[in-house]
């Protein structure tokens, strides 16, 4: 038990910082509740460079898709995303705190909830965020989270 006195687990505790590019898009939703969502902000997903590959995290209602994209380190994020109905790209640098519970009660399993879990911003303080536009406003409002790097006005709304 002498090793316990030499190694302190509290001293080695550190936070993890991760960079994500959060992409908001208009999406193609066949269901009627999509009319309640803001045009251009009907779906949210993320991409990140891990040092070797571009990784895409795309939560859908049916399944979550995680892909390694065929792009290199010199490619711009606009080329990596390459989505025609992308409305906003936000660069987010988040500190993931593994010491607290993200959400203590059941919630809807939507793309916004999965993105909040991916970014580590869920919990009691953000229980009211359940639409992509609310997440967009929250990421821009909080100075420690995101900076907007591209806005595209190519989204069209149909009535």
N, C-alpha and C. Protein backbone atom coordinates (compact mmCIF):
# COMPACT_ATOMS: atom_id res chain seq x y z
N UNK A 1 0.80 -1.20 0.00
CA UNK A 1 0.00 0.00 0.00
C UNK A 1 0.84 1.26 0.00
N UNK A 2 2.13 1.13 -0.13
CA UNK A 2 2.98 2.32 -0.15
C UNK A 2 2.80 3.11 -1.44
N UNK A 3 2.36 2.45 -2.53
CA UNK A 3 2.16 3.14 -3.78
C UNK A 3 1.01 4.13 -3.71
N UNK A 4 0.05 3.89 -2.78
CA UNK A 4 -1.09 4.76 -2.64
C UNK A 4 -0.68 6.13 -2.11
N UNK A 5 0.36 6.17 -1.32
CA UNK A 5 0.83 7.44 -0.77
C UNK A 5 1.61 8.25 -1.80
N UNK A 6 2.16 7.59 -2.80
CA UNK A 6 2.98 8.29 -3.78
C UNK A 6 2.17 8.82 -4.96
N UNK A 7 1.11 8.11 -5.34
CA UNK A 7 0.32 8.50 -6.50
C UNK A 7 -0.99 9.12 -6.02
N UNK A 8 -1.24 10.31 -6.46
CA UNK A 8 -2.49 10.98 -6.12
C UNK A 8 -3.38 11.01 -7.35
N UNK A 9 -4.55 10.44 -7.24
CA UNK A 9 -5.47 10.42 -8.38
C UNK A 9 -6.09 11.79 -8.62
N UNK A 10 -6.20 12.59 -7.58
CA UNK A 10 -6.77 13.93 -7.73
C UNK A 10 -5.83 14.86 -8.49
N UNK A 11 -4.53 14.68 -8.34
CA UNK A 11 -3.58 15.54 -9.03
C UNK A 11 -3.58 15.28 -10.54
N UNK A 12 -3.93 14.07 -10.95
CA UNK A 12 -3.89 13.74 -12.36
C UNK A 12 -5.22 14.02 -13.07
N UNK A 13 -6.21 14.54 -12.34
CA UNK A 13 -7.50 14.84 -12.95
C UNK A 13 -7.37 16.05 -13.86
N UNK A 14 -7.86 15.92 -15.06
CA UNK A 14 -7.82 17.05 -15.99
C UNK A 14 -9.06 17.00 -16.87
N UNK A 15 -9.38 18.12 -17.46
CA UNK A 15 -10.50 18.19 -18.38
C UNK A 15 -10.02 17.93 -19.79
N UNK A 16 -10.93 17.43 -20.60
CA UNK A 16 -10.62 17.20 -22.00
C UNK A 16 -11.23 18.33 -22.84
N UNK A 17 -10.44 18.87 -23.74
CA UNK A 17 -10.92 19.88 -24.68
C UNK A 17 -11.02 19.24 -26.06
N UNK A 18 -12.15 19.45 -26.70
CA UNK A 18 -12.34 18.91 -28.05
C UNK A 18 -12.85 20.00 -28.97
N UNK A 19 -12.44 19.92 -30.22
CA UNK A 19 -12.89 20.84 -31.26
C UNK A 19 -13.90 20.12 -32.14
N UNK A 20 -15.04 20.75 -32.34
CA UNK A 20 -16.07 20.23 -33.23
C UNK A 20 -16.53 21.35 -34.15
N UNK A 21 -16.94 20.98 -35.34
CA UNK A 21 -17.62 21.89 -36.24
C UNK A 21 -19.08 21.45 -36.25
N UNK A 22 -19.95 22.29 -35.73
CA UNK A 22 -21.37 21.97 -35.62
C UNK A 22 -22.07 22.55 -36.85
N UNK A 23 -22.78 21.70 -37.56
CA UNK A 23 -23.41 22.08 -38.82
C UNK A 23 -24.92 22.07 -38.63
N UNK A 24 -25.55 23.19 -38.95
CA UNK A 24 -27.00 23.30 -38.93
C UNK A 24 -27.48 23.32 -40.37
N UNK A 25 -28.55 22.58 -40.63
CA UNK A 25 -29.06 22.51 -41.99
C UNK A 25 -30.57 22.51 -42.01
N UNK A 26 -31.09 22.75 -43.19
CA UNK A 26 -32.54 22.81 -43.36
C UNK A 26 -33.16 21.41 -43.21
N UNK A 27 -32.52 20.42 -43.75
CA UNK A 27 -33.01 19.05 -43.64
C UNK A 27 -34.22 18.78 -44.51
N UNK A 28 -34.52 17.52 -44.66
CA UNK A 28 -35.66 17.09 -45.45
C UNK A 28 -36.52 16.23 -44.55
N UNK A 29 -37.50 16.83 -43.93
CA UNK A 29 -38.34 16.12 -42.96
C UNK A 29 -39.74 15.91 -43.53
N UNK A 30 -40.19 14.67 -43.58
CA UNK A 30 -41.52 14.42 -44.12
C UNK A 30 -42.64 14.60 -43.10
N UNK A 31 -42.33 14.72 -41.85
CA UNK A 31 -43.38 14.76 -40.84
C UNK A 31 -43.86 16.18 -40.57
N UNK A 32 -45.08 16.30 -40.08
CA UNK A 32 -45.74 17.58 -39.96
C UNK A 32 -45.14 18.49 -38.89
N UNK A 33 -44.53 17.92 -37.89
CA UNK A 33 -43.97 18.74 -36.82
C UNK A 33 -42.77 19.56 -37.27
N UNK A 34 -42.23 19.27 -38.45
CA UNK A 34 -41.10 20.05 -38.94
C UNK A 34 -41.49 21.50 -39.23
N UNK A 35 -42.78 21.76 -39.38
CA UNK A 35 -43.22 23.14 -39.58
C UNK A 35 -43.04 23.99 -38.33
N UNK A 36 -42.88 23.36 -37.18
CA UNK A 36 -42.64 24.10 -35.94
C UNK A 36 -41.19 24.53 -35.80
N UNK A 37 -40.31 23.98 -36.62
CA UNK A 37 -38.89 24.30 -36.52
C UNK A 37 -38.53 25.48 -37.42
N UNK A 38 -37.51 26.21 -37.04
CA UNK A 38 -37.03 27.38 -37.79
C UNK A 38 -36.47 26.92 -39.14
N UNK A 39 -36.84 27.59 -40.24
CA UNK A 39 -36.26 27.24 -41.53
C UNK A 39 -34.74 27.43 -41.52
N UNK A 40 -34.02 26.45 -42.03
CA UNK A 40 -32.56 26.49 -42.03
C UNK A 40 -31.97 25.86 -40.78
N UNK A 41 -32.80 25.56 -39.80
CA UNK A 41 -32.33 24.98 -38.54
C UNK A 41 -33.23 23.81 -38.15
N UNK A 42 -33.35 22.85 -39.04
CA UNK A 42 -34.18 21.69 -38.75
C UNK A 42 -33.39 20.45 -38.39
N UNK A 43 -32.08 20.49 -38.60
CA UNK A 43 -31.24 19.34 -38.24
C UNK A 43 -29.85 19.86 -37.86
N UNK A 44 -29.21 19.16 -36.95
CA UNK A 44 -27.87 19.55 -36.52
C UNK A 44 -27.00 18.29 -36.44
N UNK A 45 -25.75 18.43 -36.90
CA UNK A 45 -24.78 17.34 -36.82
C UNK A 45 -23.40 17.93 -36.69
N UNK A 46 -22.37 17.10 -36.55
CA UNK A 46 -21.03 17.63 -36.26
C UNK A 46 -19.95 16.86 -37.02
N UNK A 47 -18.81 17.57 -37.22
CA UNK A 47 -17.63 17.01 -37.87
C UNK A 47 -16.42 17.45 -37.05
N UNK A 48 -15.41 16.58 -36.96
CA UNK A 48 -14.18 16.98 -36.28
C UNK A 48 -12.96 16.34 -36.92
N UNK A 49 -11.83 17.02 -36.81
CA UNK A 49 -10.54 16.51 -37.26
C UNK A 49 -9.84 15.93 -36.04
N UNK A 50 -9.53 14.65 -36.06
CA UNK A 50 -8.91 14.01 -34.89
C UNK A 50 -7.40 13.90 -35.00
N UNK A 51 -6.81 14.51 -36.00
CA UNK A 51 -5.37 14.44 -36.20
C UNK A 51 -4.99 13.52 -37.34
N UNK A 52 -5.89 12.61 -37.70
CA UNK A 52 -5.64 11.67 -38.79
C UNK A 52 -6.75 11.68 -39.83
N UNK A 53 -7.99 11.84 -39.37
CA UNK A 53 -9.16 11.75 -40.24
C UNK A 53 -10.20 12.79 -39.86
N UNK A 54 -11.08 13.10 -40.82
CA UNK A 54 -12.29 13.85 -40.52
C UNK A 54 -13.35 12.85 -40.12
N UNK A 55 -13.99 13.06 -38.97
CA UNK A 55 -15.02 12.16 -38.46
C UNK A 55 -16.34 12.90 -38.43
N UNK A 56 -17.37 12.27 -38.98
CA UNK A 56 -18.71 12.85 -39.03
C UNK A 56 -19.60 12.14 -38.02
N UNK A 57 -20.33 12.91 -37.23
CA UNK A 57 -21.30 12.40 -36.26
C UNK A 57 -22.65 12.96 -36.66
N UNK A 58 -23.52 12.11 -37.22
CA UNK A 58 -24.79 12.57 -37.75
C UNK A 58 -25.95 11.83 -37.09
N UNK A 59 -26.58 12.43 -36.07
CA UNK A 59 -27.71 11.78 -35.40
C UNK A 59 -29.01 12.01 -36.16
N UNK A 60 -29.65 10.93 -36.53
CA UNK A 60 -30.95 10.98 -37.20
C UNK A 60 -31.99 10.34 -36.28
N UNK A 61 -33.26 10.42 -36.68
CA UNK A 61 -34.30 9.81 -35.85
C UNK A 61 -34.21 8.29 -35.86
N UNK A 62 -33.84 7.69 -36.99
CA UNK A 62 -33.77 6.24 -37.08
C UNK A 62 -32.48 5.65 -36.55
N UNK A 63 -31.36 6.33 -36.77
CA UNK A 63 -30.05 5.82 -36.36
C UNK A 63 -29.04 6.95 -36.35
N UNK A 64 -27.96 6.75 -35.62
CA UNK A 64 -26.86 7.71 -35.60
C UNK A 64 -25.75 7.17 -36.48
N UNK A 65 -25.28 7.99 -37.40
CA UNK A 65 -24.25 7.58 -38.33
C UNK A 65 -22.92 8.24 -37.96
N UNK A 66 -21.89 7.42 -37.80
CA UNK A 66 -20.54 7.92 -37.56
C UNK A 66 -19.68 7.44 -38.72
N UNK A 67 -19.09 8.39 -39.46
CA UNK A 67 -18.33 8.05 -40.65
C UNK A 67 -16.95 8.68 -40.60
N UNK A 68 -15.99 8.01 -41.21
CA UNK A 68 -14.68 8.60 -41.46
C UNK A 68 -14.72 9.12 -42.89
N UNK A 69 -14.54 10.42 -43.03
CA UNK A 69 -14.69 11.06 -44.33
C UNK A 69 -13.37 11.03 -45.11
N UNK A 70 -13.42 10.92 -46.44
CA UNK A 70 -12.20 10.81 -47.25
C UNK A 70 -11.57 12.16 -47.59
N UNK A 71 -11.17 12.91 -46.57
CA UNK A 71 -10.52 14.20 -46.78
C UNK A 71 -9.24 14.23 -45.96
N UNK A 72 -8.34 15.10 -46.36
CA UNK A 72 -7.05 15.20 -45.67
C UNK A 72 -6.98 16.40 -44.74
N UNK A 73 -5.81 16.60 -44.12
CA UNK A 73 -5.67 17.68 -43.15
C UNK A 73 -5.68 19.07 -43.76
N UNK A 74 -5.39 19.20 -45.04
CA UNK A 74 -5.33 20.51 -45.68
C UNK A 74 -6.69 20.98 -46.18
N UNK A 75 -7.70 20.10 -46.15
CA UNK A 75 -9.01 20.46 -46.67
C UNK A 75 -9.72 21.41 -45.73
N UNK A 76 -10.40 22.38 -46.31
CA UNK A 76 -11.19 23.31 -45.52
C UNK A 76 -12.48 22.64 -45.07
N UNK A 77 -13.05 23.16 -44.00
CA UNK A 77 -14.29 22.59 -43.48
C UNK A 77 -15.43 22.73 -44.50
N UNK A 78 -15.40 23.76 -45.32
CA UNK A 78 -16.45 23.93 -46.32
C UNK A 78 -16.41 22.80 -47.34
N UNK A 79 -15.24 22.30 -47.68
CA UNK A 79 -15.13 21.18 -48.61
C UNK A 79 -15.50 19.86 -47.94
N UNK A 80 -15.19 19.74 -46.66
CA UNK A 80 -15.48 18.50 -45.94
C UNK A 80 -16.98 18.33 -45.77
N UNK A 81 -17.65 19.39 -45.40
CA UNK A 81 -19.09 19.29 -45.18
C UNK A 81 -19.81 19.09 -46.50
N UNK A 82 -19.60 20.00 -47.46
CA UNK A 82 -20.10 19.87 -48.82
C UNK A 82 -21.57 19.47 -48.87
N UNK A 83 -22.38 20.16 -48.11
CA UNK A 83 -23.81 19.89 -48.07
C UNK A 83 -24.52 21.10 -48.68
N UNK A 84 -25.40 20.84 -49.62
CA UNK A 84 -26.05 21.96 -50.31
C UNK A 84 -27.03 22.70 -49.43
N UNK A 85 -27.64 22.03 -48.47
CA UNK A 85 -28.63 22.72 -47.64
C UNK A 85 -28.08 23.05 -46.24
N UNK A 86 -26.78 23.24 -46.13
CA UNK A 86 -26.16 23.65 -44.88
C UNK A 86 -26.36 25.15 -44.70
N UNK A 87 -26.88 25.56 -43.54
CA UNK A 87 -27.15 26.98 -43.34
C UNK A 87 -26.08 27.66 -42.50
N UNK A 88 -25.56 27.02 -41.47
CA UNK A 88 -24.56 27.63 -40.61
C UNK A 88 -23.56 26.58 -40.15
N UNK A 89 -22.28 26.96 -40.08
CA UNK A 89 -21.23 26.12 -39.50
C UNK A 89 -20.63 26.90 -38.34
N UNK A 90 -20.55 26.27 -37.17
CA UNK A 90 -19.98 26.91 -35.99
C UNK A 90 -18.80 26.07 -35.51
N UNK A 91 -17.66 26.72 -35.27
CA UNK A 91 -16.52 26.03 -34.68
C UNK A 91 -16.66 26.11 -33.17
N UNK A 92 -16.67 24.94 -32.51
CA UNK A 92 -16.90 24.87 -31.08
C UNK A 92 -15.71 24.20 -30.41
N UNK A 93 -15.16 24.83 -29.40
CA UNK A 93 -14.10 24.25 -28.57
C UNK A 93 -14.67 24.11 -27.17
N UNK A 94 -14.98 22.87 -26.77
CA UNK A 94 -15.65 22.65 -25.49
C UNK A 94 -14.77 21.87 -24.54
N UNK A 95 -14.96 22.18 -23.27
CA UNK A 95 -14.32 21.44 -22.19
C UNK A 95 -15.34 20.44 -21.68
N UNK A 96 -15.02 19.17 -21.81
CA UNK A 96 -15.94 18.14 -21.37
C UNK A 96 -15.66 17.81 -19.92
N UNK A 97 -16.66 18.01 -19.10
CA UNK A 97 -16.56 17.76 -17.67
C UNK A 97 -17.18 16.39 -17.38
N UNK A 98 -16.35 15.41 -17.07
CA UNK A 98 -16.83 14.05 -16.84
C UNK A 98 -17.25 13.82 -15.39
N UNK A 99 -17.22 14.84 -14.58
CA UNK A 99 -17.51 14.66 -13.16
C UNK A 99 -18.97 14.95 -12.81
N UNK A 100 -19.77 15.44 -13.76
CA UNK A 100 -21.15 15.73 -13.43
C UNK A 100 -22.10 14.99 -14.36
N UNK A 101 -23.31 14.77 -13.89
CA UNK A 101 -24.31 14.05 -14.65
C UNK A 101 -24.89 14.99 -15.71
N UNK A 102 -24.98 14.50 -16.92
CA UNK A 102 -25.44 15.34 -18.02
C UNK A 102 -26.92 15.66 -17.91
N UNK A 103 -27.74 14.67 -17.73
CA UNK A 103 -29.18 14.91 -17.65
C UNK A 103 -29.80 13.88 -16.71
N UNK A 104 -30.33 14.29 -15.59
CA UNK A 104 -30.83 13.32 -14.62
C UNK A 104 -32.22 12.77 -14.91
N UNK A 105 -32.93 13.27 -15.93
CA UNK A 105 -34.26 12.78 -16.23
C UNK A 105 -34.36 12.43 -17.71
N UNK A 106 -35.34 11.62 -18.08
CA UNK A 106 -35.49 11.21 -19.48
C UNK A 106 -35.88 12.39 -20.37
N UNK A 107 -35.34 12.40 -21.57
CA UNK A 107 -35.66 13.45 -22.54
C UNK A 107 -35.92 12.80 -23.90
N UNK A 108 -36.37 13.60 -24.85
CA UNK A 108 -36.54 13.11 -26.21
C UNK A 108 -35.18 12.82 -26.83
N UNK A 109 -35.09 11.76 -27.59
CA UNK A 109 -33.82 11.36 -28.19
C UNK A 109 -33.74 11.96 -29.59
N UNK A 110 -33.43 13.24 -29.66
CA UNK A 110 -33.40 13.96 -30.92
C UNK A 110 -31.96 14.29 -31.29
N UNK A 111 -31.78 14.91 -32.44
CA UNK A 111 -30.44 15.31 -32.86
C UNK A 111 -29.88 16.36 -31.91
N UNK A 112 -30.72 17.21 -31.36
CA UNK A 112 -30.25 18.24 -30.43
C UNK A 112 -29.76 17.62 -29.13
N UNK A 113 -30.50 16.65 -28.59
CA UNK A 113 -30.06 15.99 -27.35
C UNK A 113 -28.75 15.25 -27.55
N UNK A 114 -28.59 14.60 -28.70
CA UNK A 114 -27.34 13.89 -28.97
C UNK A 114 -26.19 14.87 -29.15
N UNK A 115 -26.44 16.02 -29.75
CA UNK A 115 -25.37 17.02 -29.90
C UNK A 115 -25.01 17.62 -28.55
N UNK A 116 -25.99 17.84 -27.69
CA UNK A 116 -25.69 18.34 -26.36
C UNK A 116 -24.84 17.33 -25.59
N UNK A 117 -25.13 16.06 -25.77
CA UNK A 117 -24.32 15.03 -25.13
C UNK A 117 -22.92 14.94 -25.72
N UNK A 118 -22.81 15.11 -27.03
CA UNK A 118 -21.52 15.06 -27.70
C UNK A 118 -20.63 16.22 -27.26
N UNK A 119 -21.23 17.40 -27.16
CA UNK A 119 -20.48 18.58 -26.78
C UNK A 119 -20.31 18.71 -25.27
N UNK A 120 -21.06 17.94 -24.51
CA UNK A 120 -20.96 18.01 -23.05
C UNK A 120 -21.61 19.23 -22.45
N UNK A 121 -22.65 19.76 -23.10
CA UNK A 121 -23.29 20.95 -22.57
C UNK A 121 -24.68 20.68 -22.03
N UNK A 122 -25.06 19.44 -21.91
CA UNK A 122 -26.38 19.12 -21.40
C UNK A 122 -26.44 19.28 -19.90
N UNK A 123 -27.58 18.99 -19.36
CA UNK A 123 -27.73 19.04 -17.92
C UNK A 123 -28.87 19.93 -17.48
N UNK A 124 -28.89 20.21 -16.22
CA UNK A 124 -29.97 20.97 -15.64
C UNK A 124 -30.01 22.40 -16.18
N UNK A 125 -28.86 22.96 -16.48
CA UNK A 125 -28.82 24.35 -16.95
C UNK A 125 -29.31 24.52 -18.38
N UNK A 126 -29.34 23.46 -19.15
CA UNK A 126 -29.77 23.57 -20.55
C UNK A 126 -30.95 22.65 -20.86
N UNK A 127 -31.82 22.45 -19.92
CA UNK A 127 -32.97 21.57 -20.12
C UNK A 127 -33.93 22.14 -21.16
N UNK A 128 -33.94 23.43 -21.34
CA UNK A 128 -34.89 24.11 -22.21
C UNK A 128 -34.48 24.08 -23.69
N UNK A 129 -33.29 23.60 -23.99
CA UNK A 129 -32.85 23.54 -25.39
C UNK A 129 -33.31 22.22 -25.99
N UNK A 130 -34.27 22.29 -26.91
CA UNK A 130 -34.74 21.07 -27.57
C UNK A 130 -34.93 21.25 -29.07
N UNK A 131 -34.63 22.44 -29.61
CA UNK A 131 -34.70 22.68 -31.05
C UNK A 131 -33.33 23.11 -31.55
N UNK A 132 -32.98 22.81 -32.81
CA UNK A 132 -31.67 23.21 -33.33
C UNK A 132 -31.41 24.72 -33.28
N UNK A 133 -32.44 25.53 -33.50
CA UNK A 133 -32.23 26.98 -33.47
C UNK A 133 -31.88 27.46 -32.05
N UNK A 134 -32.47 26.83 -31.04
CA UNK A 134 -32.13 27.17 -29.66
C UNK A 134 -30.69 26.80 -29.35
N UNK A 135 -30.24 25.66 -29.86
CA UNK A 135 -28.85 25.26 -29.67
C UNK A 135 -27.91 26.22 -30.39
N UNK A 136 -28.28 26.65 -31.57
CA UNK A 136 -27.49 27.63 -32.32
C UNK A 136 -27.33 28.93 -31.53
N UNK A 137 -28.43 29.45 -31.02
CA UNK A 137 -28.38 30.69 -30.25
C UNK A 137 -27.56 30.51 -28.97
N UNK A 138 -27.68 29.35 -28.33
CA UNK A 138 -26.92 29.10 -27.10
C UNK A 138 -25.42 29.04 -27.36
N UNK A 139 -25.03 28.38 -28.45
CA UNK A 139 -23.61 28.26 -28.77
C UNK A 139 -22.99 29.61 -29.12
N UNK A 140 -23.75 30.48 -29.77
CA UNK A 140 -23.23 31.80 -30.09
C UNK A 140 -23.26 32.75 -28.90
N UNK A 141 -24.22 32.56 -28.01
CA UNK A 141 -24.34 33.44 -26.85
C UNK A 141 -23.24 33.19 -25.83
N UNK A 142 -22.91 31.93 -25.61
CA UNK A 142 -21.88 31.58 -24.65
C UNK A 142 -20.51 31.85 -25.26
N UNK A 143 -19.73 32.76 -24.70
CA UNK A 143 -18.44 33.08 -25.32
C UNK A 143 -17.42 31.94 -25.24
N UNK A 144 -17.62 31.02 -24.33
CA UNK A 144 -16.65 29.94 -24.20
C UNK A 144 -16.89 28.81 -25.19
N UNK A 145 -18.00 28.85 -25.92
CA UNK A 145 -18.32 27.74 -26.79
C UNK A 145 -17.97 27.97 -28.25
N UNK A 146 -18.77 28.73 -28.96
CA UNK A 146 -18.62 28.69 -30.41
C UNK A 146 -18.37 30.00 -31.09
N UNK A 147 -17.75 29.91 -32.25
CA UNK A 147 -17.61 31.04 -33.14
C UNK A 147 -18.13 30.63 -34.50
N UNK A 148 -18.97 31.47 -35.08
CA UNK A 148 -19.58 31.17 -36.36
C UNK A 148 -18.57 31.40 -37.46
N UNK A 149 -18.39 30.39 -38.33
CA UNK A 149 -17.39 30.55 -39.38
C UNK A 149 -17.99 30.64 -40.77
N UNK A 150 -19.21 30.20 -40.95
CA UNK A 150 -19.82 30.32 -42.27
C UNK A 150 -21.33 30.38 -42.14
N UNK A 151 -21.92 31.23 -42.96
CA UNK A 151 -23.37 31.30 -43.07
C UNK A 151 -23.72 31.22 -44.54
N UNK A 152 -24.63 30.34 -44.85
CA UNK A 152 -25.08 30.20 -46.22
C UNK A 152 -26.57 30.48 -46.26
N UNK A 153 -27.00 31.23 -47.22
CA UNK A 153 -28.41 31.55 -47.34
C UNK A 153 -29.04 30.79 -48.50
N UNK A 154 -28.55 29.58 -48.73
CA UNK A 154 -29.08 28.80 -49.86
C UNK A 154 -30.29 27.98 -49.48
N UNK A 155 -30.73 28.06 -48.23
CA UNK A 155 -31.88 27.27 -47.84
C UNK A 155 -33.14 27.91 -48.39
N UNK A 156 -34.05 27.08 -48.83
CA UNK A 156 -35.30 27.58 -49.34
C UNK A 156 -36.42 27.03 -48.49
N UNK A 157 -37.44 27.81 -48.32
CA UNK A 157 -38.59 27.36 -47.54
C UNK A 157 -39.76 27.19 -48.47
N UNK A 158 -40.47 26.11 -48.29
CA UNK A 158 -41.67 25.87 -49.09
C UNK A 158 -42.85 25.83 -48.17
N UNK A 159 -43.93 26.39 -48.61
CA UNK A 159 -45.16 26.42 -47.79
C UNK A 159 -46.18 25.48 -48.35
